[in-house]
Amino acid sequence: MEKIGRISPREWMTIITLVFYAHVASITASIRYGFLADAFAKRNVPGKVYGLIGTSVFVGFAADFFFKITEKCMTKWNSRKIIAGSAIGFSIIALVTGFVYRIPNTTAVVAISITLRMIQGVLGFAVTLVPVDFINANFPKKFDMVNGLVNMGYFSGHGVAELLGCILYDNYGYEVAFAFAATMALLAAAATLCFIPNTQTYLSIQGKAVKDLDSTDGPLITNKTQRLSKFLVFPLIATMLINANYGVIQVTVTPFLKEEFQKSISYGGSVLTLVSVGMALGSVSVGFILQSKIISHFTAMGIGAFCIFNGLLMTFPPESLPAVYNLSPILAFPGVFIAGFGDPFMTIATLKALYGVQLQKKGILTPQVTTTITGIWIMGYCSMYYAGSFIAGVLTDYLSYSATAELLAGFCLLAVLICVLLRLNFTHVHNEDDEMKPLTF
C-alpha cells in the first residue's frame, strides 16, 4: 500500500472545479433520462424511437473520435478554453432541446432532438477527453485519485439530474428541466474560466517533447511501438457490457415502477438519486484504492461487474418470485445504489488497465497513443451507456422488465469472467514513472 502525496490548496481548487464541471456536464447530458419515456409516450412515440434520442449521442462521439476534432483542438488551444467552450455549447443545446418540445409536429420534435443530441455528442467527447488529458499533464503521480474524484462528478450528476429533472418535469414541464440544465452549464463555464489554470494540453506539451527527443537522440518512437495492442479489446468488451447494463437500469427504473406499481415519476427520480450516491462513493473509493495499489485494476473491474449483476436482479426481481417481486419499489433503492457503486469500479479502473495492457505488450506509451487509448475508452463505455436507452426501449417492447434484467445479468457474469482472465494473464502494474521515463525532459 502506498501513501498519497500532498496536494496544495491551489491544486485542490483546480480539482474541485474539475469535479463541479464534470458534475454539471453530466446533469446537462442526463437531465432527460428520468422523464424521457413519459414525455414521448404522451406523444405516442414507441420506445425504440425515443430510445434513439439518448443513443444518437454516440454518433457525435464517433464523429469526434474518428475525425479527431477534439484532438486537433487540443494541439491549438489550451485546456481551459476547450473545457469552457464545451460547457457553453452544452448550455445552448440544452436550452434549444427544451423548447423544441413545443413544436406540434411530433416527427419534427423527434428529428430535431436526435440532431441536437448528436451535436451534444461531439461536445461530450471533449467534455470527457480533455479533463483526462489535463490530469495526465498536471497530476501524473496522482492520476487514479484525481480521475476518481473527477468521475465522481460525472457519475453523481446522473442521479442528481434524474431526480431534479423528474421534479421539474412533474411540476413545471419539459422545457423548464432543460432550462435549468442550461443555466448550470453556464455556471460551470464561468467557474472553469476563473479557476482552471491556463496551461497547455498534455498532448501538445509531451508531443513536442517526443519530437525534440526524436531529433536529438535518434528514432525513439517507431511505427511499431505506436501500434495499439490487440489485447486492448478484452477490457473494452468488459466495460462495454457493464455500461450497457447500467444504461438500461437508468432508463427503465422509472417506467417500471410507474407501470407495475403505479409510482409517480418523482418517486422513480428519488430511487435514481441513490445511483448518484452509489456512484459518488464508488468513484472516490476506487480512486483512492487504486492510487494506494491495494488491488489491481482488473480486480476492481471484476468487483464492478459483480455489483452491477446484483444491482440488476435486486432492482428488477424475477417474476417467478412474487413475494420478492412485490417488494420491488423498496428493493429498487438498494438495487440502484449497488449498481451505481459498482459502475465506477469498472469504468475508472478500465482506463489505467488499458494503459497497462499497452505498456506490457508494446513497451511504451507516447502521448499520442495515450490520447488514442483514452478516446477508445470513452467510446467504449459511453457508447454502450448511451446505447442502453435504445437497448432498453427495444427489449422492454418485447420482454418484461424482469426478463430483460435476467438476460442482461448474464452479460454481467461474462464481464466478470473476462476480468478474471485478464487478471491471470496481465501482471504488469501500470506505473507513471515507467510510462514517462522515455519522455523525461
Protein backbone atom coordinates (compact mmCIF):
# COMPACT_ATOMS: atom_id res chain seq x y z
CA MET A 1 0.00 0.00 0.00
CA GLU A 2 1.39 3.41 -0.98
CA LYS A 3 0.76 6.78 0.63
CA ILE A 4 -0.84 9.54 -1.40
CA GLY A 5 1.38 12.62 -1.67
CA ARG A 6 0.49 16.12 -0.55
CA ILE A 7 -1.85 18.25 -2.66
CA SER A 8 -1.59 22.05 -2.38
CA PRO A 9 -4.64 24.31 -1.79
CA ARG A 10 -4.30 25.63 -5.36
CA GLU A 11 -4.36 22.09 -6.71
CA TRP A 12 -7.42 21.27 -4.60
CA MET A 13 -9.20 24.31 -6.02
CA THR A 14 -8.43 23.06 -9.53
CA ILE A 15 -9.65 19.55 -8.71
CA ILE A 16 -12.86 20.87 -7.11
CA THR A 17 -13.54 22.97 -10.21
CA LEU A 18 -13.00 19.95 -12.46
CA VAL A 19 -15.36 17.91 -10.29
CA PHE A 20 -18.02 20.65 -10.46
CA TYR A 21 -17.58 20.94 -14.22
CA ALA A 22 -17.91 17.17 -14.64
CA HIS A 23 -20.96 17.12 -12.37
CA VAL A 24 -22.71 19.84 -14.36
CA ALA A 25 -21.79 18.28 -17.72
CA SER A 26 -23.37 15.06 -16.53
CA ILE A 27 -26.50 16.86 -15.35
CA THR A 28 -26.86 18.56 -18.72
CA ALA A 29 -26.41 15.30 -20.62
CA SER A 30 -28.64 13.20 -18.33
CA ILE A 31 -31.43 15.59 -17.33
CA ARG A 32 -33.87 13.85 -19.68
CA TYR A 33 -33.47 10.24 -18.59
CA GLY A 34 -35.91 10.23 -15.69
CA PHE A 35 -38.82 11.60 -17.74
CA LEU A 36 -37.87 10.85 -21.37
CA ALA A 37 -40.09 7.76 -21.59
CA ASP A 38 -43.10 9.52 -20.09
CA ALA A 39 -42.72 12.68 -22.18
CA PHE A 40 -42.64 10.83 -25.50
CA ALA A 41 -45.15 8.18 -24.50
CA LYS A 42 -47.63 11.07 -24.17
CA ARG A 43 -47.00 11.77 -27.85
CA ASN A 44 -47.41 8.07 -28.75
CA VAL A 45 -43.74 7.60 -29.63
CA PRO A 46 -42.63 3.94 -29.18
CA GLY A 47 -39.65 3.04 -27.01
CA LYS A 48 -37.39 2.03 -29.89
CA VAL A 49 -37.85 5.53 -31.37
CA TYR A 50 -37.48 7.73 -28.30
CA GLY A 51 -34.60 5.50 -27.20
CA LEU A 52 -32.71 6.81 -30.24
CA ILE A 53 -32.79 10.31 -28.73
CA GLY A 54 -30.50 9.08 -25.98
CA THR A 55 -28.47 6.73 -28.16
CA SER A 56 -27.87 9.19 -31.02
CA VAL A 57 -25.29 10.98 -28.89
CA PHE A 58 -22.96 8.15 -29.86
CA VAL A 59 -22.95 9.38 -33.46
CA GLY A 60 -21.44 12.64 -32.22
CA PHE A 61 -18.91 10.74 -30.11
CA ALA A 62 -17.93 8.62 -33.11
CA ALA A 63 -17.60 11.65 -35.40
CA ASP A 64 -15.35 13.38 -32.89
CA PHE A 65 -13.25 10.26 -32.33
CA PHE A 66 -12.73 9.24 -35.97
CA PHE A 67 -12.25 12.77 -37.33
CA LYS A 68 -10.11 13.73 -34.28
CA ILE A 69 -12.00 17.00 -33.80
CA THR A 70 -11.10 17.38 -30.12
CA GLU A 71 -7.52 16.19 -30.63
CA LYS A 72 -6.98 18.91 -33.26
CA CYS A 73 -8.37 21.49 -30.86
CA MET A 74 -6.04 20.20 -28.12
CA THR A 75 -2.99 20.94 -30.27
CA LYS A 76 -4.14 24.54 -30.88
CA TRP A 77 -5.92 25.70 -27.71
CA ASN A 78 -5.30 25.25 -24.01
CA SER A 79 -7.44 23.03 -21.79
CA ARG A 80 -9.31 25.90 -20.14
CA LYS A 81 -10.65 27.27 -23.44
CA ILE A 82 -11.81 23.86 -24.64
CA ILE A 83 -13.49 22.96 -21.34
CA ALA A 84 -15.27 26.32 -21.03
CA GLY A 85 -16.29 26.30 -24.69
CA SER A 86 -17.79 22.82 -24.35
CA ALA A 87 -19.82 23.94 -21.32
CA ILE A 88 -21.22 26.92 -23.23
CA GLY A 89 -22.13 24.62 -26.12
CA PHE A 90 -23.89 22.27 -23.71
CA SER A 91 -25.89 25.21 -22.36
CA ILE A 92 -27.11 26.31 -25.78
CA ILE A 93 -28.06 22.76 -26.83
CA ALA A 94 -29.98 22.12 -23.59
CA LEU A 95 -31.96 25.33 -23.94
CA VAL A 96 -32.90 24.64 -27.57
CA THR A 97 -33.77 20.99 -26.82
CA GLY A 98 -36.27 22.04 -24.17
CA PHE A 99 -38.16 24.47 -26.35
CA VAL A 100 -38.18 22.14 -29.37
CA TYR A 101 -40.72 20.01 -27.47
CA ARG A 102 -43.31 22.74 -28.00
CA ILE A 103 -43.41 22.05 -31.76
CA PRO A 104 -46.80 20.46 -32.56
CA ASN A 105 -45.37 18.04 -35.16
CA THR A 106 -44.07 15.03 -33.21
CA THR A 107 -41.91 13.81 -36.10
CA ALA A 108 -40.15 17.17 -36.21
CA VAL A 109 -39.62 17.10 -32.42
CA VAL A 110 -38.00 13.65 -32.59
CA ALA A 111 -35.84 14.54 -35.62
CA ILE A 112 -34.57 17.82 -34.15
CA SER A 113 -34.00 16.25 -30.72
CA ILE A 114 -31.90 13.48 -32.30
CA THR A 115 -29.87 16.04 -34.29
CA LEU A 116 -29.21 18.17 -31.21
CA ARG A 117 -28.22 15.04 -29.30
CA MET A 118 -25.66 14.20 -32.00
CA ILE A 119 -24.14 17.67 -31.70
CA GLN A 120 -24.06 17.23 -27.94
CA GLY A 121 -22.11 14.02 -28.54
CA VAL A 122 -19.33 15.92 -30.31
CA LEU A 123 -19.04 18.27 -27.35
CA GLY A 124 -19.49 15.38 -24.91
CA PHE A 125 -16.40 13.64 -26.24
CA ALA A 126 -14.39 16.77 -25.49
CA VAL A 127 -16.02 17.07 -22.06
CA THR A 128 -14.59 13.64 -21.17
CA LEU A 129 -11.29 13.55 -23.09
CA VAL A 130 -9.88 16.98 -22.20
CA PRO A 131 -10.17 16.58 -18.39
CA VAL A 132 -8.29 13.25 -18.63
CA ASP A 133 -5.63 14.99 -20.70
CA PHE A 134 -5.50 17.76 -18.09
CA ILE A 135 -5.00 15.20 -15.30
CA ASN A 136 -2.22 13.50 -17.27
CA ALA A 137 -0.49 16.88 -17.69
CA ASN A 138 -0.91 18.23 -14.16
CA PHE A 139 -1.40 15.24 -11.83
CA PRO A 140 0.55 12.32 -13.38
CA LYS A 141 1.60 10.90 -9.99
CA LYS A 142 -1.94 11.06 -8.59
CA PHE A 143 -3.82 10.05 -11.72
CA ASP A 144 -6.07 7.37 -10.20
CA MET A 145 -7.09 9.50 -7.25
CA VAL A 146 -7.83 12.68 -9.25
CA ASN A 147 -9.52 10.72 -12.04
CA GLY A 148 -11.69 9.02 -9.41
CA LEU A 149 -12.70 12.39 -7.93
CA VAL A 150 -13.49 13.89 -11.33
CA ASN A 151 -15.51 10.83 -12.29
CA MET A 152 -17.37 11.25 -9.01
CA GLY A 153 -18.59 14.49 -10.58
CA TYR A 154 -19.65 12.78 -13.81
CA PHE A 155 -21.33 9.84 -12.15
CA SER A 156 -23.06 11.71 -9.33
CA GLY A 157 -24.52 14.09 -11.88
CA HIS A 158 -26.57 11.28 -13.43
CA GLY A 159 -28.66 10.62 -10.33
CA VAL A 160 -28.98 14.29 -9.40
CA ALA A 161 -30.12 15.08 -12.93
CA GLU A 162 -32.75 12.39 -12.87
CA LEU A 163 -34.20 13.48 -9.53
CA LEU A 164 -34.21 17.19 -10.34
CA GLY A 165 -35.32 16.52 -13.90
CA CYS A 166 -38.29 14.45 -12.74
CA ILE A 167 -39.32 17.04 -10.15
CA LEU A 168 -39.04 19.93 -12.62
CA TYR A 169 -40.82 17.95 -15.33
CA ASP A 170 -43.64 16.88 -12.98
CA ASN A 171 -44.24 20.38 -11.66
CA TYR A 172 -43.19 22.81 -14.40
CA GLY A 173 -42.85 20.90 -17.66
CA TYR A 174 -40.30 19.59 -20.15
CA GLU A 175 -38.83 22.98 -21.09
CA VAL A 176 -38.03 24.09 -17.53
CA ALA A 177 -35.95 20.97 -16.83
CA PHE A 178 -33.70 21.77 -19.80
CA ALA A 179 -33.56 25.48 -18.94
CA PHE A 180 -32.23 24.51 -15.50
CA ALA A 181 -29.53 22.34 -17.12
CA ALA A 182 -28.56 25.20 -19.46
CA THR A 183 -28.14 27.59 -16.52
CA MET A 184 -25.93 25.12 -14.65
CA ALA A 185 -23.74 24.67 -17.74
CA LEU A 186 -23.13 28.44 -17.91
CA LEU A 187 -22.10 28.43 -14.24
CA ALA A 188 -19.63 25.62 -14.98
CA ALA A 189 -18.15 27.61 -17.87
CA ALA A 190 -17.68 30.63 -15.58
CA ALA A 191 -16.03 28.50 -12.87
CA THR A 192 -13.68 26.98 -15.44
CA LEU A 193 -12.53 30.39 -16.69
CA CYS A 194 -11.90 31.52 -13.11
CA PHE A 195 -10.18 28.52 -11.53
CA ILE A 196 -8.69 26.20 -14.18
CA PRO A 197 -5.02 27.10 -14.93
CA ASN A 198 -4.26 28.44 -18.38
CA THR A 199 -1.96 25.51 -19.23
CA GLN A 200 -1.20 23.71 -22.47
CA THR A 201 -2.64 20.27 -23.04
CA TYR A 202 -0.66 17.13 -22.23
CA LEU A 203 -0.90 16.12 -25.89
CA SER A 204 0.74 19.33 -27.14
CA ILE A 205 3.43 19.59 -24.41
CA GLN A 206 4.51 15.96 -24.43
CA GLY A 207 4.13 15.73 -28.20
CA LYS A 208 6.71 18.49 -28.56
CA ALA A 209 9.00 16.67 -26.11
CA VAL A 210 8.84 13.49 -28.19
CA LYS A 211 9.69 15.41 -31.37
CA ASP A 212 12.66 17.06 -29.63
CA LEU A 213 13.94 13.71 -28.37
CA ASP A 214 13.49 12.17 -31.82
CA SER A 215 15.60 14.91 -33.39
CA THR A 216 18.42 14.71 -30.82
CA ASP A 217 18.54 11.05 -29.81
CA GLY A 218 17.51 9.26 -32.97
CA PRO A 219 14.29 7.43 -33.84
CA LEU A 220 12.96 6.97 -30.28
CA ILE A 221 9.35 6.48 -31.37
CA THR A 222 8.88 3.94 -34.16
CA ASN A 223 5.78 2.94 -36.02
CA LYS A 224 5.98 -0.48 -34.39
CA THR A 225 5.92 0.86 -30.82
CA GLN A 226 2.99 3.15 -31.59
CA ARG A 227 0.72 0.33 -32.75
CA LEU A 228 -2.08 -0.47 -30.38
CA SER A 229 -2.10 -3.85 -28.70
CA LYS A 230 -4.83 -6.20 -29.93
CA PHE A 231 -5.38 -7.23 -26.30
CA LEU A 232 -6.98 -3.84 -25.57
CA VAL A 233 -10.22 -5.28 -26.95
CA PHE A 234 -10.78 -7.54 -23.93
CA PRO A 235 -11.03 -4.93 -21.14
CA LEU A 236 -13.03 -2.78 -23.56
CA ILE A 237 -15.57 -5.57 -24.10
CA ALA A 238 -15.96 -5.96 -20.34
CA THR A 239 -16.61 -2.28 -19.68
CA MET A 240 -18.95 -2.01 -22.68
CA LEU A 241 -21.06 -4.92 -21.39
CA ILE A 242 -21.34 -3.35 -17.95
CA ASN A 243 -22.15 0.16 -19.13
CA ALA A 244 -24.85 -1.13 -21.46
CA ASN A 245 -26.47 -2.77 -18.44
CA TYR A 246 -26.13 0.34 -16.36
CA GLY A 247 -27.65 2.45 -19.12
CA VAL A 248 -30.65 0.11 -19.21
CA ILE A 249 -31.12 0.42 -15.44
CA GLN A 250 -31.18 4.21 -15.61
CA VAL A 251 -33.79 4.36 -18.36
CA THR A 252 -36.14 1.58 -17.17
CA VAL A 253 -36.42 2.11 -13.40
CA THR A 254 -38.92 4.99 -13.60
CA PRO A 255 -41.33 3.42 -16.16
CA PHE A 256 -41.03 0.03 -14.41
CA LEU A 257 -42.17 1.47 -11.07
CA LYS A 258 -44.88 3.57 -12.73
CA GLU A 259 -46.36 0.81 -14.89
CA GLU A 260 -46.06 -2.10 -12.48
CA PHE A 261 -46.61 -0.37 -9.13
CA GLN A 262 -48.31 2.95 -10.04
CA LYS A 263 -45.47 5.02 -8.58
CA SER A 264 -45.06 8.61 -9.71
CA ILE A 265 -42.30 9.91 -11.95
CA SER A 266 -40.89 11.79 -8.95
CA TYR A 267 -40.77 8.54 -6.97
CA GLY A 268 -38.71 6.96 -9.73
CA GLY A 269 -36.47 10.01 -9.70
CA SER A 270 -35.93 9.63 -5.96
CA VAL A 271 -34.91 6.00 -6.48
CA LEU A 272 -32.39 7.07 -9.11
CA THR A 273 -30.91 9.57 -6.67
CA LEU A 274 -29.28 6.63 -4.93
CA VAL A 275 -27.47 5.94 -8.20
CA SER A 276 -25.82 9.31 -7.64
CA VAL A 277 -24.89 8.42 -4.07
CA GLY A 278 -23.58 5.00 -5.05
CA MET A 279 -21.53 6.32 -7.96
CA ALA A 280 -20.08 9.15 -5.89
CA LEU A 281 -18.95 6.76 -3.16
CA GLY A 282 -17.75 4.21 -5.72
CA SER A 283 -15.73 6.80 -7.66
CA VAL A 284 -13.95 8.15 -4.59
CA SER A 285 -13.39 4.64 -3.21
CA VAL A 286 -11.92 3.13 -6.37
CA GLY A 287 -9.76 6.20 -7.00
CA PHE A 288 -8.09 6.03 -3.58
CA ILE A 289 -7.91 2.21 -3.59
CA LEU A 290 -6.18 2.11 -6.97
CA GLN A 291 -3.90 5.02 -6.10
CA SER A 292 -2.81 3.13 -2.96
CA LYS A 293 -2.35 -0.07 -5.03
CA ILE A 294 -4.47 -2.13 -2.61
CA ILE A 295 -5.94 -4.16 -5.50
CA SER A 296 -5.17 -4.43 -9.20
CA HIS A 297 -7.16 -2.60 -11.85
CA PHE A 298 -8.52 -5.87 -13.22
CA THR A 299 -9.72 -6.91 -9.75
CA ALA A 300 -11.52 -3.58 -9.41
CA MET A 301 -13.17 -4.17 -12.80
CA GLY A 302 -14.41 -7.58 -11.67
CA ILE A 303 -15.84 -6.11 -8.46
CA GLY A 304 -17.71 -3.53 -10.52
CA ALA A 305 -19.21 -6.15 -12.84
CA PHE A 306 -20.38 -8.26 -9.92
CA CYS A 307 -22.01 -5.24 -8.25
CA ILE A 308 -23.96 -4.44 -11.44
CA PHE A 309 -25.09 -8.09 -11.62
CA ASN A 310 -26.51 -7.93 -8.09
CA GLY A 311 -27.98 -4.45 -8.61
CA LEU A 312 -29.87 -5.57 -11.72
CA LEU A 313 -31.53 -8.55 -10.05
CA MET A 314 -32.36 -6.57 -6.92
CA THR A 315 -33.91 -3.67 -8.84
CA PHE A 316 -35.93 -5.95 -11.16
CA PRO A 317 -36.59 -9.16 -9.15
CA PRO A 318 -37.72 -12.29 -11.05
CA GLU A 319 -41.48 -12.50 -11.52
CA SER A 320 -41.22 -16.18 -10.59
CA LEU A 321 -40.64 -14.99 -7.01
CA PRO A 322 -43.82 -12.95 -6.39
CA ALA A 323 -43.05 -12.26 -2.71
CA VAL A 324 -39.78 -10.64 -3.72
CA TYR A 325 -41.16 -9.07 -6.90
CA ASN A 326 -43.84 -7.20 -4.93
CA LEU A 327 -41.10 -5.60 -2.87
CA SER A 328 -39.59 -4.01 -5.99
CA PRO A 329 -40.49 -0.39 -5.01
CA ILE A 330 -38.40 -0.89 -1.85
CA LEU A 331 -35.66 -3.14 -3.25
CA ALA A 332 -35.08 -0.67 -6.09
CA PHE A 333 -33.38 1.72 -3.65
CA PRO A 334 -30.53 -0.61 -2.56
CA GLY A 335 -30.51 -2.18 -6.02
CA VAL A 336 -29.66 1.02 -7.90
CA PHE A 337 -27.23 2.01 -5.13
CA ILE A 338 -25.25 -1.23 -5.55
CA ALA A 339 -25.29 -0.86 -9.34
CA GLY A 340 -24.20 2.76 -9.03
CA PHE A 341 -21.39 1.85 -6.62
CA GLY A 342 -20.08 -0.84 -8.97
CA ASP A 343 -20.05 1.10 -12.23
CA PRO A 344 -17.10 3.39 -11.32
CA PHE A 345 -15.06 0.35 -10.24
CA MET A 346 -15.42 -0.98 -13.76
CA THR A 347 -15.23 2.26 -15.72
CA ILE A 348 -12.45 4.13 -13.88
CA ALA A 349 -10.22 1.08 -13.47
CA THR A 350 -10.52 0.21 -17.16
CA LEU A 351 -8.62 3.30 -18.34
CA LYS A 352 -5.43 2.53 -16.44
CA ALA A 353 -5.89 -1.16 -17.23
CA LEU A 354 -5.81 -0.24 -20.92
CA TYR A 355 -2.65 1.83 -20.37
CA GLY A 356 -1.11 -1.16 -18.57
CA VAL A 357 -2.01 -3.66 -21.31
CA GLN A 358 -0.50 -1.37 -23.96
CA LEU A 359 2.64 -0.81 -21.87
CA GLN A 360 3.16 -4.51 -21.19
CA LYS A 361 2.63 -5.55 -24.81
CA LYS A 362 4.30 -2.65 -26.64
CA GLY A 363 6.72 -1.30 -24.05
CA ILE A 364 5.94 2.43 -24.34
CA LEU A 365 3.10 4.92 -24.03
CA THR A 366 3.57 8.02 -26.15
CA PRO A 367 1.24 10.99 -25.60
CA GLN A 368 -0.41 10.28 -28.94
CA VAL A 369 -1.05 6.64 -28.00
CA THR A 370 -2.25 7.68 -24.53
CA THR A 371 -4.75 10.10 -26.08
CA THR A 372 -5.91 7.50 -28.60
CA ILE A 373 -6.43 4.88 -25.89
CA THR A 374 -8.29 7.42 -23.77
CA GLY A 375 -10.53 8.16 -26.75
CA ILE A 376 -11.18 4.45 -27.29
CA TRP A 377 -12.03 4.10 -23.58
CA ILE A 378 -14.51 6.97 -23.81
CA MET A 379 -16.04 5.48 -26.96
CA GLY A 380 -16.28 2.08 -25.31
CA TYR A 381 -18.05 2.92 -22.11
CA CYS A 382 -20.02 5.95 -23.33
CA SER A 383 -21.27 4.24 -26.49
CA MET A 384 -22.77 1.37 -24.56
CA TYR A 385 -24.02 3.56 -21.73
CA TYR A 386 -25.95 5.68 -24.21
CA ALA A 387 -26.88 2.58 -26.21
CA GLY A 388 -28.56 1.40 -23.02
CA SER A 389 -31.52 3.66 -23.68
CA PHE A 390 -32.02 2.08 -27.13
CA ILE A 391 -31.46 -1.44 -25.81
CA ALA A 392 -33.95 -0.77 -23.03
CA GLY A 393 -36.52 0.56 -25.48
CA VAL A 394 -36.23 -2.47 -27.77
CA LEU A 395 -36.10 -5.17 -25.09
CA THR A 396 -38.94 -3.80 -22.98
CA ASP A 397 -41.13 -3.57 -26.08
CA TYR A 398 -40.96 -7.38 -26.29
CA LEU A 399 -39.93 -8.61 -22.81
CA SER A 400 -40.97 -7.80 -19.27
CA TYR A 401 -38.66 -5.66 -17.17
CA SER A 402 -37.66 -8.66 -15.07
CA ALA A 403 -36.91 -10.81 -18.10
CA THR A 404 -34.79 -8.00 -19.55
CA ALA A 405 -32.82 -7.78 -16.29
CA GLU A 406 -32.25 -11.55 -16.18
CA LEU A 407 -30.94 -11.50 -19.75
CA LEU A 408 -28.55 -8.63 -19.02
CA ALA A 409 -27.39 -10.21 -15.76
CA GLY A 410 -25.89 -12.98 -17.87
CA PHE A 411 -23.74 -10.41 -19.68
CA CYS A 412 -22.55 -9.16 -16.28
CA LEU A 413 -21.28 -12.62 -15.42
CA LEU A 414 -19.50 -12.74 -18.79
CA ALA A 415 -17.78 -9.44 -17.89
CA VAL A 416 -16.70 -10.92 -14.53
CA LEU A 417 -15.16 -13.91 -16.35
CA ILE A 418 -13.27 -11.60 -18.73
CA CYS A 419 -11.88 -9.63 -15.76
CA VAL A 420 -10.70 -12.84 -14.04
CA LEU A 421 -8.91 -13.99 -17.19
CA LEU A 422 -7.29 -10.57 -17.62
CA ARG A 423 -6.11 -10.61 -14.00
CA LEU A 424 -4.50 -14.01 -14.55
CA ASN A 425 -2.76 -13.03 -17.79
CA PHE A 426 -1.59 -9.45 -17.16
CA THR A 427 0.65 -8.96 -14.16
CA HIS A 428 2.13 -5.56 -15.01
CA VAL A 429 1.18 -2.80 -12.58
CA HIS A 430 0.98 0.44 -14.54
CA ASN A 431 3.41 2.95 -13.08
CA GLU A 432 3.61 6.58 -14.14
CA ASP A 433 7.41 6.55 -13.84
CA ASP A 434 7.59 3.63 -16.29
CA GLU A 435 5.34 5.46 -18.69
CA MET A 436 7.16 8.78 -18.56
CA LYS A 437 10.75 7.54 -18.44
CA PRO A 438 11.26 7.62 -22.24
CA LEU A 439 9.74 11.12 -22.30
CA THR A 440 11.70 12.77 -19.47
CA PHE A 441 12.73 16.31 -20.39
